[in-house]
Amino acid sequence: MKIKTFLVATALAASFAGSAFAAGMTVGFSQIGSESGWRAAETSVTKQEAEKRGVDLKIADAQQKQENQLKAIRSFVAQGVDAIFLAPVVATGWDDVLEEAKDADIPVILLDRTIDTADDSLYLTAVTSDTVHEGRVAGEWLVNAVGDKPCNVVELQGTVGSSPAINRKKGFDEAIAGHDNLKIVRTQTGDFTRTKGKEVMESFLKAEDGGKNICALYAHNDDMAVGAIQAIKEAGLKPGTDILVVSIDAVPDIFKAIADGEANATVELTPNMAGPAFDALAAFKDAGTVPPKWIQTESKLYTKDNDPSGEYERRKGLGY
């Protein structure tokens, strides 16, 4: 996984070497769904990247169900597409269907999430952020923000079994380990959705003396955080002040919340996984250039010091 630097050169070279072939490709994209603003932006940006390259992109929305993704991949194989992009809803259960794609000589590229498999030849590469690192950045921010102050933390986890949920929890736990003043007192999935994030936060608040026992919220994505912010306000507390809020994705609405003082920090997950994926695919198809197994995107921390109003304006047209 020590290939971050290699990625940049590979992707840039591929964008030129494989551009002619890319224009004739048909790519099937098995998308998880539209559970969050970030997911909607990923779909929008993927369409834009395909259009720029003259790629015929076929999108199948799985509505957050793995069985729908399995059907979509088999449909793409039957159609004889040139490649398949897969944003896997969960990490396990992919070997059989990816073996079918492999047998049909159709390369598969994972977008924004990884899978658990003993056979990594089943996919060409995975274009993702380092989701453990994202959680670690969020945790380190909270450690620095609270100092030595006792801090009870509630956690909104992502979809159970998904690699971002697993890894963002792991990284956050690593960051706060050894800081005995920070303690996770409640943790529950909010399924990466705004509605569920609000619902679960309401239960956290009730369980913790109306929120008086809560120092901070860590949400595995911004949409859950935005829902939780509404719950905190309805409970008569000030999000961002009474309860610190740190989350991941860097969608426009979280920047609006940061600008309004209702959230404190977010860690960026770029929605453009498709650009590097198309470039790597074009180089592979055109020149046989095999990409690294992991193409890592950058994760950046944003707070009130990073022009949140400007970030909101810059991002709001990306399809979030």
C-alpha atoms as a PDB file:
ATOM      1  CA  MET A   1       0.000   0.000   0.000  1.00  0.00           C
ATOM      2  CA  LYS A   2       3.034   2.289  -0.220  1.00  0.00           C
ATOM      3  CA  ILE A   3       2.152   3.545  -3.685  1.00  0.00           C
ATOM      4  CA  LYS A   4       0.619   6.980  -3.225  1.00  0.00           C
ATOM      5  CA  THR A   5       3.406   8.760  -5.123  1.00  0.00           C
ATOM      6  CA  PHE A   6       3.420   6.179  -7.915  1.00  0.00           C
ATOM      7  CA  LEU A   7      -0.269   6.840  -8.475  1.00  0.00           C
ATOM      8  CA  VAL A   8       0.135  10.415  -9.648  1.00  0.00           C
ATOM      9  CA  ALA A   9       2.656   9.582 -12.341  1.00  0.00           C
ATOM     10  CA  THR A  10       0.722   6.503 -13.451  1.00  0.00           C
ATOM     11  CA  ALA A  11      -2.602   8.301 -13.694  1.00  0.00           C
ATOM     12  CA  LEU A  12      -1.160  11.263 -15.575  1.00  0.00           C
ATOM     13  CA  ALA A  13       0.670   9.049 -18.024  1.00  0.00           C
ATOM     14  CA  ALA A  14      -2.417   6.920 -18.534  1.00  0.00           C
ATOM     15  CA  SER A  15      -4.604   9.912 -19.245  1.00  0.00           C
ATOM     16  CA  PHE A  16      -2.553  10.547 -22.366  1.00  0.00           C
ATOM     17  CA  ALA A  17      -1.470   7.046 -23.367  1.00  0.00           C
ATOM     18  CA  GLY A  18      -4.942   5.553 -23.163  1.00  0.00           C
ATOM     19  CA  SER A  19      -7.157   8.432 -24.200  1.00  0.00           C
ATOM     20  CA  ALA A  20      -7.737   7.141 -27.739  1.00  0.00           C
ATOM     21  CA  PHE A  21      -8.934   3.751 -26.527  1.00  0.00           C
ATOM     22  CA  ALA A  22     -11.014   5.275 -23.747  1.00  0.00           C
ATOM     23  CA  ALA A  23     -13.199   7.057 -26.292  1.00  0.00           C
ATOM     24  CA  GLY A  24     -14.520   3.724 -27.574  1.00  0.00           C
ATOM     25  CA  MET A  25     -15.144   2.021 -24.245  1.00  0.00           C
ATOM     26  CA  THR A  26     -18.390   0.931 -22.621  1.00  0.00           C
ATOM     27  CA  VAL A  27     -18.138   0.781 -18.839  1.00  0.00           C
ATOM     28  CA  GLY A  28     -20.742  -0.561 -16.444  1.00  0.00           C
ATOM     29  CA  PHE A  29     -20.892   1.145 -13.042  1.00  0.00           C
ATOM     30  CA  SER A  30     -22.561  -0.696 -10.161  1.00  0.00           C
ATOM     31  CA  GLN A  31     -23.265   2.177  -7.787  1.00  0.00           C
ATOM     32  CA  ILE A  32     -24.391   1.582  -4.214  1.00  0.00           C
ATOM     33  CA  GLY A  33     -27.252   4.072  -4.392  1.00  0.00           C
ATOM     34  CA  SER A  34     -27.800   7.663  -3.290  1.00  0.00           C
ATOM     35  CA  GLU A  35     -27.740   7.300   0.478  1.00  0.00           C
ATOM     36  CA  SER A  36     -25.739  10.473   0.951  1.00  0.00           C
ATOM     37  CA  GLY A  37     -24.846  13.751  -0.700  1.00  0.00           C
ATOM     38  CA  TRP A  38     -21.335  12.461  -1.270  1.00  0.00           C
ATOM     39  CA  ARG A  39     -22.639   9.391  -3.096  1.00  0.00           C
ATOM     40  CA  ALA A  40     -24.782  11.560  -5.373  1.00  0.00           C
ATOM     41  CA  ALA A  41     -21.728  13.708  -6.137  1.00  0.00           C
ATOM     42  CA  GLU A  42     -19.657  10.625  -6.941  1.00  0.00           C
ATOM     43  CA  THR A  43     -22.273   9.536  -9.466  1.00  0.00           C
ATOM     44  CA  SER A  44     -22.436  13.026 -10.984  1.00  0.00           C
ATOM     45  CA  VAL A  45     -18.658  13.375 -11.244  1.00  0.00           C
ATOM     46  CA  THR A  46     -18.326   9.860 -12.705  1.00  0.00           C
ATOM     47  CA  LYS A  47     -20.783  10.827 -15.456  1.00  0.00           C
ATOM     48  CA  GLN A  48     -18.773  13.982 -16.127  1.00  0.00           C
ATOM     49  CA  GLU A  49     -15.477  12.081 -16.299  1.00  0.00           C
ATOM     50  CA  ALA A  50     -16.993   9.521 -18.684  1.00  0.00           C
ATOM     51  CA  GLU A  51     -18.408  12.236 -20.919  1.00  0.00           C
ATOM     52  CA  LYS A  52     -15.042  14.022 -21.061  1.00  0.00           C
ATOM     53  CA  ARG A  53     -13.441  10.823 -22.343  1.00  0.00           C
ATOM     54  CA  GLY A  54     -16.219   9.753 -24.715  1.00  0.00           C
ATOM     55  CA  VAL A  55     -16.950   6.652 -22.627  1.00  0.00           C
ATOM     56  CA  ASP A  56     -20.398   5.037 -22.789  1.00  0.00           C
ATOM     57  CA  LEU A  57     -21.232   4.734 -19.081  1.00  0.00           C
ATOM     58  CA  LYS A  58     -24.026   2.430 -17.944  1.00  0.00           C
ATOM     59  CA  ILE A  59     -25.042   3.028 -14.312  1.00  0.00           C
ATOM     60  CA  ALA A  60     -26.986   0.564 -12.177  1.00  0.00           C
ATOM     61  CA  ASP A  61     -28.287   1.956  -8.864  1.00  0.00           C
ATOM     62  CA  ALA A  62     -28.318  -0.847  -6.272  1.00  0.00           C
ATOM     63  CA  GLN A  63     -30.407   1.025  -3.695  1.00  0.00           C
ATOM     64  CA  GLN A  64     -27.912  -0.103  -1.027  1.00  0.00           C
ATOM     65  CA  LYS A  65     -28.549  -3.831  -1.617  1.00  0.00           C
ATOM     66  CA  GLN A  66     -25.763  -6.240  -2.456  1.00  0.00           C
ATOM     67  CA  GLU A  67     -28.112  -8.580  -4.291  1.00  0.00           C
ATOM     68  CA  ASN A  68     -28.876  -5.766  -6.726  1.00  0.00           C
ATOM     69  CA  GLN A  69     -25.177  -5.227  -7.321  1.00  0.00           C
ATOM     70  CA  LEU A  70     -24.636  -8.918  -8.017  1.00  0.00           C
ATOM     71  CA  LYS A  71     -27.438  -8.831 -10.602  1.00  0.00           C
ATOM     72  CA  ALA A  72     -26.017  -5.664 -12.161  1.00  0.00           C
ATOM     73  CA  ILE A  73     -22.529  -7.117 -12.523  1.00  0.00           C
ATOM     74  CA  ARG A  74     -23.909 -10.274 -14.145  1.00  0.00           C
ATOM     75  CA  SER A  75     -25.942  -8.092 -16.501  1.00  0.00           C
ATOM     76  CA  PHE A  76     -22.833  -6.107 -17.437  1.00  0.00           C
ATOM     77  CA  VAL A  77     -20.953  -9.359 -18.097  1.00  0.00           C
ATOM     78  CA  ALA A  78     -23.796 -10.586 -20.322  1.00  0.00           C
ATOM     79  CA  GLN A  79     -23.704  -7.294 -22.236  1.00  0.00           C
ATOM     80  CA  GLY A  80     -19.981  -7.696 -22.841  1.00  0.00           C
ATOM     81  CA  VAL A  81     -18.924  -4.303 -21.479  1.00  0.00           C
ATOM     82  CA  ASP A  82     -15.255  -3.335 -21.670  1.00  0.00           C
ATOM     83  CA  ALA A  83     -14.921  -2.885 -17.912  1.00  0.00           C
ATOM     84  CA  ILE A  84     -16.906  -2.719 -14.695  1.00  0.00           C
ATOM     85  CA  PHE A  85     -16.649  -0.141 -11.929  1.00  0.00           C
ATOM     86  CA  LEU A  86     -17.917  -1.384  -8.571  1.00  0.00           C
ATOM     87  CA  ALA A  87     -18.614   0.631  -5.429  1.00  0.00           C
ATOM     88  CA  PRO A  88     -19.267  -2.330  -3.105  1.00  0.00           C
ATOM     89  CA  VAL A  89     -22.007  -1.865  -0.521  1.00  0.00           C
ATOM     90  CA  VAL A  90     -20.308  -4.359   1.821  1.00  0.00           C
ATOM     91  CA  ALA A  91     -16.835  -5.893   1.886  1.00  0.00           C
ATOM     92  CA  THR A  92     -17.634  -9.602   1.576  1.00  0.00           C
ATOM     93  CA  GLY A  93     -19.456 -11.915  -0.823  1.00  0.00           C
ATOM     94  CA  TRP A  94     -17.980 -10.862  -4.175  1.00  0.00           C
ATOM     95  CA  ASP A  95     -15.696 -13.709  -5.219  1.00  0.00           C
ATOM     96  CA  ASP A  96     -18.162 -15.702  -7.333  1.00  0.00           C
ATOM     97  CA  VAL A  97     -19.499 -12.820  -9.397  1.00  0.00           C
ATOM     98  CA  LEU A  98     -16.068 -11.269  -9.899  1.00  0.00           C
ATOM     99  CA  GLU A  99     -14.784 -14.660 -11.026  1.00  0.00           C
ATOM    100  CA  GLU A 100     -17.473 -14.549 -13.716  1.00  0.00           C
ATOM    101  CA  ALA A 101     -16.225 -11.143 -14.856  1.00  0.00           C
ATOM    102  CA  LYS A 102     -12.641 -12.411 -14.840  1.00  0.00           C
ATOM    103  CA  ASP A 103     -13.586 -15.446 -16.931  1.00  0.00           C
ATOM    104  CA  ALA A 104     -15.149 -13.050 -19.437  1.00  0.00           C
ATOM    105  CA  ASP A 105     -11.916 -10.990 -19.543  1.00  0.00           C
ATOM    106  CA  ILE A 106     -13.723  -7.935 -18.155  1.00  0.00           C
ATOM    107  CA  PRO A 107     -11.512  -5.960 -15.735  1.00  0.00           C
ATOM    108  CA  VAL A 108     -13.172  -4.720 -12.544  1.00  0.00           C
ATOM    109  CA  ILE A 109     -12.120  -1.543 -10.753  1.00  0.00           C
ATOM    110  CA  LEU A 110     -13.290  -0.867  -7.204  1.00  0.00           C
ATOM    111  CA  LEU A 111     -14.321   2.706  -6.429  1.00  0.00           C
ATOM    112  CA  ASP A 112     -14.135   4.318  -2.971  1.00  0.00           C
ATOM    113  CA  ARG A 113     -14.484   1.005  -1.125  1.00  0.00           C
ATOM    114  CA  THR A 114     -12.520  -2.219  -0.931  1.00  0.00           C
ATOM    115  CA  ILE A 115     -13.529  -5.863  -0.632  1.00  0.00           C
ATOM    116  CA  ASP A 116     -12.368  -8.820   1.452  1.00  0.00           C
ATOM    117  CA  THR A 117     -11.023 -11.528  -0.852  1.00  0.00           C
ATOM    118  CA  ALA A 118      -8.158 -13.994  -0.816  1.00  0.00           C
ATOM    119  CA  ASP A 119      -7.783 -13.526  -4.594  1.00  0.00           C
ATOM    120  CA  ASP A 120      -6.887  -9.967  -5.508  1.00  0.00           C
ATOM    121  CA  SER A 121      -6.625 -10.947  -9.180  1.00  0.00           C
ATOM    122  CA  LEU A 122     -10.430 -10.606  -9.238  1.00  0.00           C
ATOM    123  CA  TYR A 123     -10.073  -6.844  -9.597  1.00  0.00           C
ATOM    124  CA  LEU A 124      -7.629  -4.666 -11.507  1.00  0.00           C
ATOM    125  CA  THR A 125      -7.213  -1.909  -8.929  1.00  0.00           C
ATOM    126  CA  ALA A 126      -9.077  -0.082  -6.172  1.00  0.00           C
ATOM    127  CA  VAL A 127      -9.342   3.706  -6.242  1.00  0.00           C
ATOM    128  CA  THR A 128     -10.048   4.781  -2.689  1.00  0.00           C
ATOM    129  CA  SER A 129      -8.999   7.064   0.078  1.00  0.00           C
ATOM    130  CA  ASP A 130      -7.226   5.580   3.073  1.00  0.00           C
ATOM    131  CA  THR A 131     -10.340   5.252   5.223  1.00  0.00           C
ATOM    132  CA  VAL A 132      -8.347   4.231   8.294  1.00  0.00           C
ATOM    133  CA  HIS A 133      -6.339   7.430   7.851  1.00  0.00           C
ATOM    134  CA  GLU A 134      -9.576   9.444   7.555  1.00  0.00           C
ATOM    135  CA  GLY A 135     -10.755   8.144  10.916  1.00  0.00           C
ATOM    136  CA  ARG A 136      -7.345   8.781  12.419  1.00  0.00           C
ATOM    137  CA  VAL A 137      -7.339  12.403  11.200  1.00  0.00           C
ATOM    138  CA  ALA A 138     -10.786  12.940  12.748  1.00  0.00           C
ATOM    139  CA  GLY A 139      -9.648  11.412  16.034  1.00  0.00           C
ATOM    140  CA  GLU A 140      -6.440  13.424  16.149  1.00  0.00           C
ATOM    141  CA  TRP A 141      -8.412  16.609  15.607  1.00  0.00           C
ATOM    142  CA  LEU A 142     -10.653  15.762  18.577  1.00  0.00           C
ATOM    143  CA  VAL A 143      -7.686  14.860  20.792  1.00  0.00           C
ATOM    144  CA  ASN A 144      -6.168  18.267  20.097  1.00  0.00           C
ATOM    145  CA  ALA A 145      -9.480  20.102  20.416  1.00  0.00           C
ATOM    146  CA  VAL A 146     -10.345  18.812  23.900  1.00  0.00           C
ATOM    147  CA  GLY A 147      -6.854  18.646  25.382  1.00  0.00           C
ATOM    148  CA  ASP A 148      -6.991  17.152  28.879  1.00  0.00           C
ATOM    149  CA  LYS A 149     -10.701  17.820  29.351  1.00  0.00           C
ATOM    150  CA  PRO A 150     -12.866  14.737  30.079  1.00  0.00           C
ATOM    151  CA  CYS A 151     -14.862  14.014  26.926  1.00  0.00           C
ATOM    152  CA  ASN A 152     -17.629  11.471  26.384  1.00  0.00           C
ATOM    153  CA  VAL A 153     -17.938  10.743  22.673  1.00  0.00           C
ATOM    154  CA  VAL A 154     -20.918   9.325  20.770  1.00  0.00           C
ATOM    155  CA  GLU A 155     -20.266   7.681  17.417  1.00  0.00           C
ATOM    156  CA  LEU A 156     -22.506   7.360  14.372  1.00  0.00           C
ATOM    157  CA  GLN A 157     -21.153   4.442  12.368  1.00  0.00           C
ATOM    158  CA  GLY A 158     -21.679   3.832   8.667  1.00  0.00           C
ATOM    159  CA  THR A 159     -23.376   0.821   7.108  1.00  0.00           C
ATOM    160  CA  VAL A 160     -22.587  -2.327   9.081  1.00  0.00           C
ATOM    161  CA  GLY A 161     -20.015  -4.458   7.265  1.00  0.00           C
ATOM    162  CA  SER A 162     -18.909  -1.747   4.833  1.00  0.00           C
ATOM    163  CA  SER A 163     -15.189  -1.061   4.562  1.00  0.00           C
ATOM    164  CA  PRO A 164     -15.515   2.687   5.335  1.00  0.00           C
ATOM    165  CA  ALA A 165     -17.448   1.971   8.533  1.00  0.00           C
ATOM    166  CA  ILE A 166     -14.938  -0.650   9.648  1.00  0.00           C
ATOM    167  CA  ASN A 167     -11.891   1.435   8.791  1.00  0.00           C
ATOM    168  CA  ARG A 168     -13.117   4.853   9.932  1.00  0.00           C
ATOM    169  CA  LYS A 169     -13.885   3.348  13.323  1.00  0.00           C
ATOM    170  CA  LYS A 170     -10.484   1.643  13.443  1.00  0.00           C
ATOM    171  CA  GLY A 171      -8.589   4.844  12.632  1.00  0.00           C
ATOM    172  CA  PHE A 172     -10.544   6.942  15.124  1.00  0.00           C
ATOM    173  CA  ASP A 173     -10.059   4.356  17.881  1.00  0.00           C
ATOM    174  CA  GLU A 174      -6.330   4.317  17.172  1.00  0.00           C
ATOM    175  CA  ALA A 175      -6.134   8.102  17.412  1.00  0.00           C
ATOM    176  CA  ILE A 176      -7.832   8.359  20.794  1.00  0.00           C
ATOM    177  CA  ALA A 177      -6.119   5.289  22.275  1.00  0.00           C
ATOM    178  CA  GLY A 178      -3.980   6.276  25.248  1.00  0.00           C
ATOM    179  CA  HIS A 179      -6.038   9.410  25.887  1.00  0.00           C
ATOM    180  CA  ASP A 180      -7.995   8.244  28.891  1.00  0.00           C
ATOM    181  CA  ASN A 181      -9.981  11.470  29.036  1.00  0.00           C
ATOM    182  CA  LEU A 182     -11.742  10.524  25.779  1.00  0.00           C
ATOM    183  CA  LYS A 183     -14.264   7.721  25.979  1.00  0.00           C
ATOM    184  CA  ILE A 184     -16.765   6.447  23.394  1.00  0.00           C
ATOM    185  CA  VAL A 185     -19.926   5.973  25.438  1.00  0.00           C
ATOM    186  CA  ARG A 186     -22.418   5.253  22.641  1.00  0.00           C
ATOM    187  CA  THR A 187     -21.914   3.823  19.160  1.00  0.00           C
ATOM    188  CA  GLN A 188     -24.528   2.770  16.627  1.00  0.00           C
ATOM    189  CA  THR A 189     -24.974   2.648  12.875  1.00  0.00           C
ATOM    190  CA  GLY A 190     -26.743   5.502  11.129  1.00  0.00           C
ATOM    191  CA  ASP A 191     -26.449   3.763   7.732  1.00  0.00           C
ATOM    192  CA  PHE A 192     -24.660   6.801   6.262  1.00  0.00           C
ATOM    193  CA  THR A 193     -28.025   8.608   5.935  1.00  0.00           C
ATOM    194  CA  ARG A 194     -29.149  11.974   7.252  1.00  0.00           C
ATOM    195  CA  THR A 195     -32.503  10.639   8.458  1.00  0.00           C
ATOM    196  CA  LYS A 196     -31.011   7.741  10.401  1.00  0.00           C
ATOM    197  CA  GLY A 197     -28.253   9.964  11.773  1.00  0.00           C
ATOM    198  CA  LYS A 198     -30.887  12.260  13.278  1.00  0.00           C
ATOM    199  CA  GLU A 199     -32.889   9.335  14.649  1.00  0.00           C
ATOM    200  CA  VAL A 200     -29.915   7.663  16.329  1.00  0.00           C
ATOM    201  CA  MET A 201     -28.611  10.959  17.706  1.00  0.00           C
ATOM    202  CA  GLU A 202     -32.005  11.557  19.298  1.00  0.00           C
ATOM    203  CA  SER A 203     -31.654   8.234  21.110  1.00  0.00           C
ATOM    204  CA  PHE A 204     -28.109   9.132  22.204  1.00  0.00           C
ATOM    205  CA  LEU A 205     -29.312  12.438  23.616  1.00  0.00           C
ATOM    206  CA  LYS A 206     -32.130  10.807  25.582  1.00  0.00           C
ATOM    207  CA  ALA A 207     -29.772   8.174  26.975  1.00  0.00           C
ATOM    208  CA  GLU A 208     -27.193  10.765  28.061  1.00  0.00           C
ATOM    209  CA  ASP A 209     -29.263  13.156  30.189  1.00  0.00           C
ATOM    210  CA  GLY A 210     -30.575  15.155  27.257  1.00  0.00           C
ATOM    211  CA  GLY A 211     -27.067  15.416  25.852  1.00  0.00           C
ATOM    212  CA  LYS A 212     -25.509  16.959  28.956  1.00  0.00           C
ATOM    213  CA  ASN A 213     -23.161  13.984  29.279  1.00  0.00           C
ATOM    214  CA  ILE A 214     -21.984  14.216  25.663  1.00  0.00           C
ATOM    215  CA  CYS A 215     -18.867  16.214  24.816  1.00  0.00           C
ATOM    216  CA  ALA A 216     -18.463  15.294  21.144  1.00  0.00           C
ATOM    217  CA  LEU A 217     -20.006  13.515  18.190  1.00  0.00           C
ATOM    218  CA  TYR A 218     -17.937  11.556  15.684  1.00  0.00           C
ATOM    219  CA  ALA A 219     -19.891  10.652  12.542  1.00  0.00           C
ATOM    220  CA  HIS A 220     -18.550   8.372   9.831  1.00  0.00           C
ATOM    221  CA  ASN A 221     -19.989  10.726   7.226  1.00  0.00           C
ATOM    222  CA  ASP A 222     -21.245  14.287   6.962  1.00  0.00           C
ATOM    223  CA  ASP A 223     -24.833  13.411   6.144  1.00  0.00           C
ATOM    224  CA  MET A 224     -25.278  11.591   9.444  1.00  0.00           C
ATOM    225  CA  ALA A 225     -23.612  14.545  11.153  1.00  0.00           C
ATOM    226  CA  VAL A 226     -26.022  17.007   9.537  1.00  0.00           C
ATOM    227  CA  GLY A 227     -28.976  14.923  10.737  1.00  0.00           C
ATOM    228  CA  ALA A 228     -27.454  14.729  14.205  1.00  0.00           C
ATOM    229  CA  ILE A 229     -26.930  18.504  14.278  1.00  0.00           C
ATOM    230  CA  GLN A 230     -30.659  18.958  13.791  1.00  0.00           C
ATOM    231  CA  ALA A 231     -31.359  16.567  16.665  1.00  0.00           C
ATOM    232  CA  ILE A 232     -28.951  18.454  18.922  1.00  0.00           C
ATOM    233  CA  LYS A 233     -30.642  21.761  18.113  1.00  0.00           C
ATOM    234  CA  GLU A 234     -34.084  20.320  18.752  1.00  0.00           C
ATOM    235  CA  ALA A 235     -32.819  19.117  22.147  1.00  0.00           C
ATOM    236  CA  GLY A 236     -32.042  22.734  23.062  1.00  0.00           C
ATOM    237  CA  LEU A 237     -28.272  22.423  22.778  1.00  0.00           C
ATOM    238  CA  LYS A 238     -25.766  24.196  20.537  1.00  0.00           C
ATOM    239  CA  PRO A 239     -24.007  21.860  18.105  1.00  0.00           C
ATOM    240  CA  GLY A 240     -20.400  22.852  17.612  1.00  0.00           C
ATOM    241  CA  THR A 241     -20.308  24.406  21.096  1.00  0.00           C
ATOM    242  CA  ASP A 242     -22.142  22.237  23.630  1.00  0.00           C
ATOM    243  CA  ILE A 243     -21.339  19.147  21.561  1.00  0.00           C
ATOM    244  CA  LEU A 244     -18.340  19.199  19.220  1.00  0.00           C
ATOM    245  CA  VAL A 245     -19.006  17.697  15.786  1.00  0.00           C
ATOM    246  CA  VAL A 246     -16.378  16.009  13.611  1.00  0.00           C
ATOM    247  CA  SER A 247     -17.208  13.941  10.545  1.00  0.00           C
ATOM    248  CA  ILE A 248     -15.939  12.752   7.165  1.00  0.00           C
ATOM    249  CA  ASP A 249     -16.651  13.498   3.465  1.00  0.00           C
ATOM    250  CA  ALA A 250     -16.508  17.330   3.105  1.00  0.00           C
ATOM    251  CA  VAL A 251     -19.904  17.764   1.430  1.00  0.00           C
ATOM    252  CA  PRO A 252     -21.299  21.289   0.930  1.00  0.00           C
ATOM    253  CA  ASP A 253     -23.816  21.157   3.787  1.00  0.00           C
ATOM    254  CA  ILE A 254     -21.160  20.384   6.381  1.00  0.00           C
ATOM    255  CA  PHE A 255     -19.233  23.485   5.267  1.00  0.00           C
ATOM    256  CA  LYS A 256     -22.392  25.509   5.740  1.00  0.00           C
ATOM    257  CA  ALA A 257     -22.687  24.037   9.241  1.00  0.00           C
ATOM    258  CA  ILE A 258     -19.035  24.854   9.991  1.00  0.00           C
ATOM    259  CA  ALA A 259     -19.531  28.427   8.742  1.00  0.00           C
ATOM    260  CA  ASP A 260     -22.575  28.713  11.027  1.00  0.00           C
ATOM    261  CA  GLY A 261     -20.613  27.377  14.015  1.00  0.00           C
ATOM    262  CA  GLU A 262     -22.722  24.203  14.178  1.00  0.00           C
ATOM    263  CA  ALA A 263     -19.948  21.774  13.181  1.00  0.00           C
ATOM    264  CA  ASN A 264     -16.241  21.869  13.861  1.00  0.00           C
ATOM    265  CA  ALA A 265     -14.305  19.695  11.433  1.00  0.00           C
ATOM    266  CA  THR A 266     -14.618  17.413   8.412  1.00  0.00           C
ATOM    267  CA  VAL A 267     -12.140  15.178   6.595  1.00  0.00           C
ATOM    268  CA  GLU A 268     -12.370  15.298   2.816  1.00  0.00           C
ATOM    269  CA  LEU A 269     -13.285  12.302   0.690  1.00  0.00           C
ATOM    270  CA  THR A 270     -13.049  13.380  -2.956  1.00  0.00           C
ATOM    271  CA  PRO A 271     -15.998  12.286  -5.125  1.00  0.00           C
ATOM    272  CA  ASN A 272     -13.702  11.957  -8.143  1.00  0.00           C
ATOM    273  CA  MET A 273     -12.654   8.321  -7.918  1.00  0.00           C
ATOM    274  CA  ALA A 274     -13.610   7.808 -11.575  1.00  0.00           C
ATOM    275  CA  GLY A 275     -10.946  10.077 -13.107  1.00  0.00           C
ATOM    276  CA  PRO A 276      -7.989   7.989 -11.891  1.00  0.00           C
ATOM    277  CA  ALA A 277      -9.993   4.810 -12.588  1.00  0.00           C
ATOM    278  CA  PHE A 278     -10.670   5.729 -16.230  1.00  0.00           C
ATOM    279  CA  ASP A 279      -7.023   6.711 -16.706  1.00  0.00           C
ATOM    280  CA  ALA A 280      -5.727   3.455 -15.235  1.00  0.00           C
ATOM    281  CA  LEU A 281      -8.208   1.449 -17.311  1.00  0.00           C
ATOM    282  CA  ALA A 282      -7.264   3.221 -20.537  1.00  0.00           C
ATOM    283  CA  ALA A 283      -3.556   2.594 -19.961  1.00  0.00           C
ATOM    284  CA  PHE A 284      -4.246  -1.071 -19.191  1.00  0.00           C
ATOM    285  CA  LYS A 285      -6.411  -1.591 -22.276  1.00  0.00           C
ATOM    286  CA  ASP A 286      -4.226   0.406 -24.648  1.00  0.00           C
ATOM    287  CA  ALA A 287      -0.698  -0.485 -23.547  1.00  0.00           C
ATOM    288  CA  GLY A 288      -1.108  -3.337 -21.073  1.00  0.00           C
ATOM    289  CA  THR A 289       0.079  -1.115 -18.221  1.00  0.00           C
ATOM    290  CA  VAL A 290      -0.931  -2.821 -14.993  1.00  0.00           C
ATOM    291  CA  PRO A 291      -1.812  -0.263 -12.306  1.00  0.00           C
ATOM    292  CA  PRO A 292      -0.926  -0.661  -8.632  1.00  0.00           C
ATOM    293  CA  LYS A 293      -3.517  -2.582  -6.647  1.00  0.00           C
ATOM    294  CA  TRP A 294      -4.387   0.546  -4.682  1.00  0.00           C
ATOM    295  CA  ILE A 295      -4.682   4.055  -6.060  1.00  0.00           C
ATOM    296  CA  GLN A 296      -4.942   6.341  -3.044  1.00  0.00           C
ATOM    297  CA  THR A 297      -6.721   9.691  -3.055  1.00  0.00           C
ATOM    298  CA  GLU A 298      -5.898  12.530  -0.657  1.00  0.00           C
ATOM    299  CA  SER A 299      -7.691  13.135   2.661  1.00  0.00           C
ATOM    300  CA  LYS A 300      -7.611  16.690   4.025  1.00  0.00           C
ATOM    301  CA  LEU A 301      -8.895  18.150   7.299  1.00  0.00           C
ATOM    302  CA  TYR A 302     -11.114  21.243   7.082  1.00  0.00           C
ATOM    303  CA  THR A 303     -12.140  23.484   9.986  1.00  0.00           C
ATOM    304  CA  LYS A 304     -13.456  27.040  10.395  1.00  0.00           C
ATOM    305  CA  ASP A 305      -9.972  28.244   9.433  1.00  0.00           C
ATOM    306  CA  ASN A 306     -10.343  26.890   5.882  1.00  0.00           C
ATOM    307  CA  ASP A 307     -12.916  29.298   4.440  1.00  0.00           C
ATOM    308  CA  PRO A 308     -15.990  27.073   4.904  1.00  0.00           C
ATOM    309  CA  SER A 309     -18.307  29.534   3.135  1.00  0.00           C
ATOM    310  CA  GLY A 310     -16.023  29.514   0.112  1.00  0.00           C
ATOM    311  CA  GLU A 311     -15.784  25.724   0.169  1.00  0.00           C
ATOM    312  CA  TYR A 312     -19.576  25.538   0.244  1.00  0.00           C
ATOM    313  CA  GLU A 313     -19.830  27.710  -2.864  1.00  0.00           C
ATOM    314  CA  ARG A 314     -17.101  25.789  -4.676  1.00  0.00           C
ATOM    315  CA  ARG A 315     -18.708  22.396  -4.057  1.00  0.00           C
ATOM    316  CA  LYS A 316     -22.444  22.997  -4.274  1.00  0.00           C
ATOM    317  CA  GLY A 317     -22.553  22.495  -8.046  1.00  0.00           C
ATOM    318  CA  LEU A 318     -20.926  19.061  -8.005  1.00  0.00           C
ATOM    319  CA  GLY A 319     -24.174  17.135  -7.531  1.00  0.00           C
ATOM    320  CA  TYR A 320     -24.121  16.763  -3.754  1.00  0.00           C
END
